[in-house]
Amino acid sequence: MASPTTAASGSSSSREGTAKAMVFDQISHTIQSTSNLLHLMQQSSPSQVQLTKLPKNLLAKTTTIKNTGQVLEQMPQVISSLDAHVENGLQSVPHLRTVSQLLANMESCQLSSLSQAHLPEKEPEMGKQPPAKH
């Protein structure tokens, strides 16, 4: 059974989809009307060369508008997914700090033990060196 929040978001998503479809239909209708108007103008205008290019350009953009509509329809899902990933990332921050601190402590301990292991070896070597000749 859907919760009130899920039902509300589904209803909101449905309204957004309907609104986007209406906008897409209006844009497509406007492009088609403009194209028809330009065809009429071509038949009666002295600058037919320039007008000939316009309908082709407008009709070429129809596919782009359809693709844009599809992208807009997918945006709520993409945003929701990104939001979930960001939330998971934010929940991981304390764990990352702990791991980072542990690694720093391990490195510090290793460096400390290495430096202590090398110091006693170097001191006797200094004593074995012959005195400098003048």
C-alpha atoms as a PDB file:
ATOM      1  CA  MET A   1       0.000   0.000   0.000  1.00  0.00           C
ATOM      2  CA  ALA A   2       1.405   3.421  -0.962  1.00  0.00           C
ATOM      3  CA  SER A   3       2.089   5.888   1.815  1.00  0.00           C
ATOM      4  CA  PRO A   4       0.546   9.385   1.625  1.00  0.00           C
ATOM      5  CA  THR A   5       3.989  10.792   0.757  1.00  0.00           C
ATOM      6  CA  THR A   6       4.481   8.276  -2.064  1.00  0.00           C
ATOM      7  CA  ALA A   7       0.981   8.955  -3.379  1.00  0.00           C
ATOM      8  CA  ALA A   8       1.553  12.704  -3.208  1.00  0.00           C
ATOM      9  CA  SER A   9       4.887  12.481  -4.994  1.00  0.00           C
ATOM     10  CA  GLY A  10       3.371  10.167  -7.596  1.00  0.00           C
ATOM     11  CA  SER A  11       0.523  12.623  -8.116  1.00  0.00           C
ATOM     12  CA  SER A  12       2.968  15.510  -8.303  1.00  0.00           C
ATOM     13  CA  SER A  13       5.146  13.588 -10.749  1.00  0.00           C
ATOM     14  CA  SER A  14       2.078  12.803 -12.846  1.00  0.00           C
ATOM     15  CA  ARG A  15       1.076  16.485 -12.917  1.00  0.00           C
ATOM     16  CA  GLU A  16       4.627  17.467 -13.894  1.00  0.00           C
ATOM     17  CA  GLY A  17       4.592  14.900 -16.683  1.00  0.00           C
ATOM     18  CA  THR A  18       1.232  16.188 -17.922  1.00  0.00           C
ATOM     19  CA  ALA A  19       2.432  19.795 -17.798  1.00  0.00           C
ATOM     20  CA  LYS A  20       5.612  18.894 -19.677  1.00  0.00           C
ATOM     21  CA  ALA A  21       3.610  17.025 -22.300  1.00  0.00           C
ATOM     22  CA  MET A  22       1.350  20.063 -22.742  1.00  0.00           C
ATOM     23  CA  VAL A  23       4.351  22.382 -23.124  1.00  0.00           C
ATOM     24  CA  PHE A  24       5.936  19.989 -25.606  1.00  0.00           C
ATOM     25  CA  ASP A  25       2.693  19.821 -27.623  1.00  0.00           C
ATOM     26  CA  GLN A  26       2.390  23.617 -27.624  1.00  0.00           C
ATOM     27  CA  ILE A  27       5.991  24.051 -28.782  1.00  0.00           C
ATOM     28  CA  SER A  28       5.553  21.448 -31.511  1.00  0.00           C
ATOM     29  CA  HIS A  29       2.302  23.084 -32.617  1.00  0.00           C
ATOM     30  CA  THR A  30       3.983  26.504 -32.655  1.00  0.00           C
ATOM     31  CA  ILE A  31       6.852  25.176 -34.756  1.00  0.00           C
ATOM     32  CA  GLN A  32       4.446  23.560 -37.204  1.00  0.00           C
ATOM     33  CA  SER A  33       2.354  26.751 -37.410  1.00  0.00           C
ATOM     34  CA  THR A  34       5.472  28.851 -37.962  1.00  0.00           C
ATOM     35  CA  SER A  35       6.621  26.450 -40.630  1.00  0.00           C
ATOM     36  CA  ASN A  36       3.231  26.670 -42.374  1.00  0.00           C
ATOM     37  CA  LEU A  37       3.312  30.453 -42.153  1.00  0.00           C
ATOM     38  CA  LEU A  38       6.777  30.528 -43.654  1.00  0.00           C
ATOM     39  CA  HIS A  39       5.616  28.311 -46.520  1.00  0.00           C
ATOM     40  CA  LEU A  40       2.854  30.818 -47.238  1.00  0.00           C
ATOM     41  CA  MET A  41       5.321  33.698 -47.020  1.00  0.00           C
ATOM     42  CA  GLN A  42       7.669  31.915 -49.409  1.00  0.00           C
ATOM     43  CA  GLN A  43       5.037  31.888 -52.087  1.00  0.00           C
ATOM     44  CA  SER A  44       4.438  35.638 -51.825  1.00  0.00           C
ATOM     45  CA  SER A  45       7.811  37.041 -50.696  1.00  0.00           C
ATOM     46  CA  PRO A  46      10.665  38.384 -52.870  1.00  0.00           C
ATOM     47  CA  SER A  47      13.303  37.036 -50.437  1.00  0.00           C
ATOM     48  CA  GLN A  48      12.486  33.385 -51.010  1.00  0.00           C
ATOM     49  CA  VAL A  49      16.087  32.182 -50.657  1.00  0.00           C
ATOM     50  CA  GLN A  50      16.298  33.227 -46.999  1.00  0.00           C
ATOM     51  CA  LEU A  51      12.807  32.012 -46.218  1.00  0.00           C
ATOM     52  CA  THR A  52      13.508  28.631 -47.788  1.00  0.00           C
ATOM     53  CA  LYS A  53      16.136  27.910 -45.145  1.00  0.00           C
ATOM     54  CA  LEU A  54      13.917  28.757 -42.164  1.00  0.00           C
ATOM     55  CA  PRO A  55      11.346  25.925 -42.294  1.00  0.00           C
ATOM     56  CA  LYS A  56      14.087  23.330 -42.692  1.00  0.00           C
ATOM     57  CA  ASN A  57      15.921  24.742 -39.683  1.00  0.00           C
ATOM     58  CA  LEU A  58      12.744  24.796 -37.586  1.00  0.00           C
ATOM     59  CA  LEU A  59      11.709  21.302 -38.575  1.00  0.00           C
ATOM     60  CA  ALA A  60      15.229  20.062 -37.836  1.00  0.00           C
ATOM     61  CA  LYS A  61      14.831  21.325 -34.268  1.00  0.00           C
ATOM     62  CA  THR A  62      11.672  19.261 -33.698  1.00  0.00           C
ATOM     63  CA  THR A  63      13.744  16.170 -32.889  1.00  0.00           C
ATOM     64  CA  THR A  64      15.815  18.174 -30.430  1.00  0.00           C
ATOM     65  CA  ILE A  65      12.644  19.390 -28.746  1.00  0.00           C
ATOM     66  CA  LYS A  66      11.332  15.822 -28.471  1.00  0.00           C
ATOM     67  CA  ASN A  67      14.643  14.695 -26.959  1.00  0.00           C
ATOM     68  CA  THR A  68      14.567  17.601 -24.534  1.00  0.00           C
ATOM     69  CA  GLY A  69      11.069  16.558 -23.489  1.00  0.00           C
ATOM     70  CA  GLN A  70      12.269  13.017 -22.815  1.00  0.00           C
ATOM     71  CA  VAL A  71      15.187  14.319 -20.759  1.00  0.00           C
ATOM     72  CA  LEU A  72      12.844  16.545 -18.751  1.00  0.00           C
ATOM     73  CA  GLU A  73      10.623  13.564 -18.032  1.00  0.00           C
ATOM     74  CA  GLN A  74      13.600  11.626 -16.648  1.00  0.00           C
ATOM     75  CA  MET A  75      14.968  14.491 -14.546  1.00  0.00           C
ATOM     76  CA  PRO A  76      12.913  13.821 -11.371  1.00  0.00           C
ATOM     77  CA  GLN A  77      14.187  10.222 -11.261  1.00  0.00           C
ATOM     78  CA  VAL A  78      17.776  11.333 -11.900  1.00  0.00           C
ATOM     79  CA  ILE A  79      17.587  13.987  -9.189  1.00  0.00           C
ATOM     80  CA  SER A  80      16.079  11.506  -6.738  1.00  0.00           C
ATOM     81  CA  SER A  81      18.824   8.982  -7.477  1.00  0.00           C
ATOM     82  CA  LEU A  82      21.570  11.601  -7.096  1.00  0.00           C
ATOM     83  CA  ASP A  83      20.017  12.760  -3.831  1.00  0.00           C
ATOM     84  CA  ALA A  84      20.093   9.181  -2.499  1.00  0.00           C
ATOM     85  CA  HIS A  85      23.766   8.802  -3.475  1.00  0.00           C
ATOM     86  CA  VAL A  86      24.682  12.107  -1.825  1.00  0.00           C
ATOM     87  CA  GLU A  87      22.810  11.066   1.324  1.00  0.00           C
ATOM     88  CA  ASN A  88      24.689   7.747   1.426  1.00  0.00           C
ATOM     89  CA  GLY A  89      27.952   9.599   0.916  1.00  0.00           C
ATOM     90  CA  LEU A  90      27.202  11.976   3.757  1.00  0.00           C
ATOM     91  CA  GLN A  91      26.407   9.058   6.055  1.00  0.00           C
ATOM     92  CA  SER A  92      29.815   7.549   5.204  1.00  0.00           C
ATOM     93  CA  VAL A  93      31.804  10.649   6.216  1.00  0.00           C
ATOM     94  CA  PRO A  94      32.197   9.668   9.916  1.00  0.00           C
ATOM     95  CA  HIS A  95      33.416   6.212   8.872  1.00  0.00           C
ATOM     96  CA  LEU A  96      35.889   7.757   6.449  1.00  0.00           C
ATOM     97  CA  ARG A  97      37.224   9.997   9.211  1.00  0.00           C
ATOM     98  CA  THR A  98      37.702   6.973  11.466  1.00  0.00           C
ATOM     99  CA  VAL A  99      39.496   5.023   8.737  1.00  0.00           C
ATOM    100  CA  SER A 100      41.654   8.043   7.913  1.00  0.00           C
ATOM    101  CA  GLN A 101      42.603   8.470  11.585  1.00  0.00           C
ATOM    102  CA  LEU A 102      43.443   4.756  11.897  1.00  0.00           C
ATOM    103  CA  LEU A 103      45.667   4.911   8.814  1.00  0.00           C
ATOM    104  CA  ALA A 104      47.423   8.012  10.145  1.00  0.00           C
ATOM    105  CA  ASN A 105      47.999   6.289  13.497  1.00  0.00           C
ATOM    106  CA  MET A 106      49.358   3.160  11.769  1.00  0.00           C
ATOM    107  CA  GLU A 107      51.710   5.251   9.656  1.00  0.00           C
ATOM    108  CA  SER A 108      52.881   7.182  12.687  1.00  0.00           C
ATOM    109  CA  CYS A 109      53.544   3.957  14.631  1.00  0.00           C
ATOM    110  CA  GLN A 110      55.445   2.432  11.706  1.00  0.00           C
ATOM    111  CA  LEU A 111      57.579   5.542  11.245  1.00  0.00           C
ATOM    112  CA  SER A 112      58.250   5.702  14.969  1.00  0.00           C
ATOM    113  CA  SER A 113      59.303   2.035  15.172  1.00  0.00           C
ATOM    114  CA  LEU A 114      61.476   2.399  12.042  1.00  0.00           C
ATOM    115  CA  SER A 115      63.262   5.445  13.397  1.00  0.00           C
ATOM    116  CA  GLN A 116      63.861   3.729  16.759  1.00  0.00           C
ATOM    117  CA  ALA A 117      65.191   0.621  15.017  1.00  0.00           C
ATOM    118  CA  HIS A 118      67.698   2.628  12.941  1.00  0.00           C
ATOM    119  CA  LEU A 119      69.004   4.904  15.710  1.00  0.00           C
ATOM    120  CA  PRO A 120      70.737   2.220  17.840  1.00  0.00           C
ATOM    121  CA  GLU A 121      72.413   0.753  14.718  1.00  0.00           C
ATOM    122  CA  LYS A 122      73.872   4.080  13.601  1.00  0.00           C
ATOM    123  CA  GLU A 123      75.378   5.021  16.994  1.00  0.00           C
ATOM    124  CA  PRO A 124      77.779   2.039  17.197  1.00  0.00           C
ATOM    125  CA  GLU A 125      78.806   2.638  13.581  1.00  0.00           C
ATOM    126  CA  MET A 126      79.886   6.150  14.494  1.00  0.00           C
ATOM    127  CA  GLY A 127      82.097   4.796  17.260  1.00  0.00           C
ATOM    128  CA  LYS A 128      83.842   2.361  14.859  1.00  0.00           C
ATOM    129  CA  GLN A 129      84.958   5.074  12.430  1.00  0.00           C
ATOM    130  CA  PRO A 130      88.694   5.827  12.559  1.00  0.00           C
ATOM    131  CA  PRO A 131      89.690   9.313  13.656  1.00  0.00           C
ATOM    132  CA  ALA A 132      90.095  11.827  10.870  1.00  0.00           C
ATOM    133  CA  LYS A 133      93.698  12.337   9.648  1.00  0.00           C
ATOM    134  CA  HIS A 134      95.135  15.826   9.531  1.00  0.00           C
END
